[in-house]
Amino acid sequence: MERHQAFPFHFIRRKVRHKKYYTYSAEQVNEMMSAIQSAMDEVKKEFLTDTTEKKKRFTFSS
């Protein structure tokens, strides 16, 4: 996944959290959350199905 394709969670969070400027119906909130979940599911699928051999560049173990 290329960097520019990353889902901009920080941007969305900044935009939708200002409740004094915007109001959202339950339907709109559900639609936003569904879109976020769909994007997360796509990224997860890419990580789980990528079988190409790549050099190990990062690890969580020390």
N, C-alpha and C. Protein backbone atom coordinates (compact mmCIF):
# COMPACT_ATOMS: atom_id res chain seq x y z
N MET A 1 0.84 -1.17 0.00
CA MET A 1 0.00 0.00 0.00
C MET A 1 0.89 1.24 0.00
N GLU A 2 0.66 2.13 -0.91
CA GLU A 2 1.44 3.35 -1.00
C GLU A 2 0.97 4.34 0.05
N ARG A 3 1.87 5.23 0.42
CA ARG A 3 1.58 6.19 1.48
C ARG A 3 0.35 7.05 1.18
N HIS A 4 0.21 7.51 -0.06
CA HIS A 4 -0.91 8.40 -0.38
C HIS A 4 -2.26 7.70 -0.35
N GLN A 5 -2.26 6.37 -0.29
CA GLN A 5 -3.51 5.63 -0.22
C GLN A 5 -3.96 5.39 1.21
N ALA A 6 -3.13 5.75 2.16
CA ALA A 6 -3.49 5.51 3.56
C ALA A 6 -4.75 6.28 3.93
N PHE A 7 -5.56 5.68 4.73
CA PHE A 7 -6.83 6.30 5.11
C PHE A 7 -6.55 7.44 6.10
N PRO A 8 -7.06 8.64 5.84
CA PRO A 8 -6.73 9.81 6.67
C PRO A 8 -7.60 9.93 7.93
N PHE A 9 -7.40 9.03 8.90
CA PHE A 9 -8.21 9.04 10.10
C PHE A 9 -8.11 10.36 10.86
N HIS A 10 -6.89 10.90 10.96
CA HIS A 10 -6.71 12.15 11.71
C HIS A 10 -7.49 13.29 11.07
N PHE A 11 -7.56 13.32 9.75
CA PHE A 11 -8.30 14.37 9.05
C PHE A 11 -9.79 14.25 9.33
N ILE A 12 -10.32 13.06 9.24
CA ILE A 12 -11.75 12.84 9.49
C ILE A 12 -12.08 13.15 10.94
N ARG A 13 -11.25 12.70 11.84
CA ARG A 13 -11.50 12.94 13.26
C ARG A 13 -11.54 14.43 13.57
N ARG A 14 -10.61 15.17 13.00
CA ARG A 14 -10.58 16.62 13.20
C ARG A 14 -11.84 17.27 12.65
N LYS A 15 -12.30 16.83 11.49
CA LYS A 15 -13.44 17.47 10.84
C LYS A 15 -14.76 17.15 11.53
N VAL A 16 -14.96 15.94 11.97
CA VAL A 16 -16.28 15.56 12.50
C VAL A 16 -16.43 15.78 14.00
N ARG A 17 -15.37 16.03 14.71
CA ARG A 17 -15.51 16.16 16.17
C ARG A 17 -15.97 17.54 16.62
N HIS A 18 -15.98 18.52 15.74
CA HIS A 18 -16.39 19.88 16.11
C HIS A 18 -17.92 19.98 16.09
N LYS A 19 -18.54 19.49 17.14
CA LYS A 19 -20.00 19.44 17.20
C LYS A 19 -20.65 20.82 17.26
N LYS A 20 -19.90 21.81 17.69
CA LYS A 20 -20.52 23.14 17.76
C LYS A 20 -20.69 23.74 16.36
N TYR A 21 -19.99 23.20 15.37
CA TYR A 21 -20.12 23.69 14.00
C TYR A 21 -21.00 22.81 13.12
N TYR A 22 -21.09 21.53 13.47
CA TYR A 22 -21.82 20.58 12.64
C TYR A 22 -22.76 19.75 13.50
N THR A 23 -23.83 19.29 12.90
CA THR A 23 -24.69 18.30 13.56
C THR A 23 -24.86 17.14 12.60
N TYR A 24 -24.97 15.94 13.15
CA TYR A 24 -25.09 14.73 12.35
C TYR A 24 -26.28 13.92 12.82
N SER A 25 -27.04 13.40 11.88
CA SER A 25 -28.14 12.51 12.23
C SER A 25 -27.55 11.13 12.52
N ALA A 26 -28.34 10.29 13.15
CA ALA A 26 -27.89 8.92 13.42
C ALA A 26 -27.56 8.21 12.11
N GLU A 27 -28.33 8.47 11.07
CA GLU A 27 -28.07 7.85 9.77
C GLU A 27 -26.73 8.31 9.20
N GLN A 28 -26.41 9.59 9.35
CA GLN A 28 -25.13 10.11 8.85
C GLN A 28 -23.96 9.52 9.63
N VAL A 29 -24.12 9.41 10.95
CA VAL A 29 -23.07 8.82 11.78
C VAL A 29 -22.85 7.37 11.37
N ASN A 30 -23.93 6.62 11.19
CA ASN A 30 -23.80 5.22 10.78
C ASN A 30 -23.14 5.10 9.42
N GLU A 31 -23.46 6.01 8.51
CA GLU A 31 -22.85 5.99 7.18
C GLU A 31 -21.35 6.28 7.26
N MET A 32 -20.97 7.25 8.09
CA MET A 32 -19.54 7.56 8.26
C MET A 32 -18.79 6.39 8.87
N MET A 33 -19.36 5.80 9.91
CA MET A 33 -18.70 4.68 10.57
C MET A 33 -18.60 3.47 9.64
N SER A 34 -19.61 3.26 8.82
CA SER A 34 -19.59 2.17 7.86
C SER A 34 -18.50 2.39 6.82
N ALA A 35 -18.34 3.62 6.36
CA ALA A 35 -17.29 3.93 5.38
C ALA A 35 -15.91 3.72 5.98
N ILE A 36 -15.73 4.13 7.23
CA ILE A 36 -14.44 3.93 7.91
C ILE A 36 -14.17 2.45 8.07
N GLN A 37 -15.17 1.68 8.50
CA GLN A 37 -14.99 0.24 8.69
C GLN A 37 -14.66 -0.45 7.37
N SER A 38 -15.31 -0.05 6.29
CA SER A 38 -15.04 -0.64 4.98
C SER A 38 -13.60 -0.38 4.56
N ALA A 39 -13.13 0.84 4.77
CA ALA A 39 -11.74 1.17 4.42
C ALA A 39 -10.77 0.36 5.27
N MET A 40 -11.06 0.21 6.56
CA MET A 40 -10.20 -0.59 7.43
C MET A 40 -10.19 -2.05 7.00
N ASP A 41 -11.34 -2.58 6.63
CA ASP A 41 -11.43 -3.96 6.17
C ASP A 41 -10.60 -4.18 4.90
N GLU A 42 -10.62 -3.21 3.98
CA GLU A 42 -9.83 -3.33 2.76
C GLU A 42 -8.34 -3.35 3.06
N VAL A 43 -7.90 -2.48 3.95
CA VAL A 43 -6.48 -2.44 4.31
C VAL A 43 -6.08 -3.74 5.00
N LYS A 44 -6.91 -4.22 5.91
CA LYS A 44 -6.63 -5.48 6.60
C LYS A 44 -6.50 -6.62 5.60
N LYS A 45 -7.40 -6.66 4.63
CA LYS A 45 -7.38 -7.70 3.61
C LYS A 45 -6.07 -7.65 2.82
N GLU A 46 -5.62 -6.44 2.48
CA GLU A 46 -4.35 -6.29 1.76
C GLU A 46 -3.19 -6.86 2.57
N PHE A 47 -3.16 -6.58 3.87
CA PHE A 47 -2.08 -7.09 4.71
C PHE A 47 -2.13 -8.61 4.83
N LEU A 48 -3.33 -9.16 4.92
CA LEU A 48 -3.46 -10.60 5.12
C LEU A 48 -3.27 -11.41 3.85
N THR A 49 -3.49 -10.82 2.68
CA THR A 49 -3.39 -11.57 1.43
C THR A 49 -2.11 -11.29 0.66
N ASP A 50 -1.26 -10.39 1.12
CA ASP A 50 -0.02 -10.08 0.41
C ASP A 50 0.97 -11.22 0.63
N THR A 51 1.23 -11.99 -0.41
CA THR A 51 2.12 -13.14 -0.29
C THR A 51 3.44 -12.94 -1.01
N THR A 52 3.71 -11.75 -1.50
CA THR A 52 4.97 -11.50 -2.19
C THR A 52 6.12 -11.54 -1.20
N GLU A 53 7.24 -12.04 -1.68
CA GLU A 53 8.43 -12.10 -0.84
C GLU A 53 9.04 -10.71 -0.73
N LYS A 54 9.21 -10.26 0.47
CA LYS A 54 9.81 -8.95 0.70
C LYS A 54 10.88 -9.07 1.77
N LYS A 55 11.84 -8.17 1.70
CA LYS A 55 12.87 -8.14 2.72
C LYS A 55 12.25 -7.70 4.04
N LYS A 56 12.71 -8.30 5.11
CA LYS A 56 12.21 -7.94 6.42
C LYS A 56 12.86 -6.61 6.82
N ARG A 57 12.04 -5.58 6.99
CA ARG A 57 12.57 -4.26 7.29
C ARG A 57 12.23 -3.79 8.70
N PHE A 58 11.21 -4.35 9.29
CA PHE A 58 10.77 -3.87 10.59
C PHE A 58 10.25 -5.04 11.40
N THR A 59 10.51 -4.98 12.68
CA THR A 59 9.98 -6.00 13.57
C THR A 59 9.67 -5.37 14.92
N PHE A 60 8.71 -5.91 15.62
CA PHE A 60 8.37 -5.40 16.94
C PHE A 60 9.27 -6.01 18.01
N SER A 61 9.93 -7.11 17.70
CA SER A 61 10.79 -7.75 18.70
C SER A 61 12.14 -7.04 18.74
N SER A 62 12.79 -7.13 19.90
CA SER A 62 14.09 -6.46 20.03
C SER A 62 15.23 -7.44 19.96
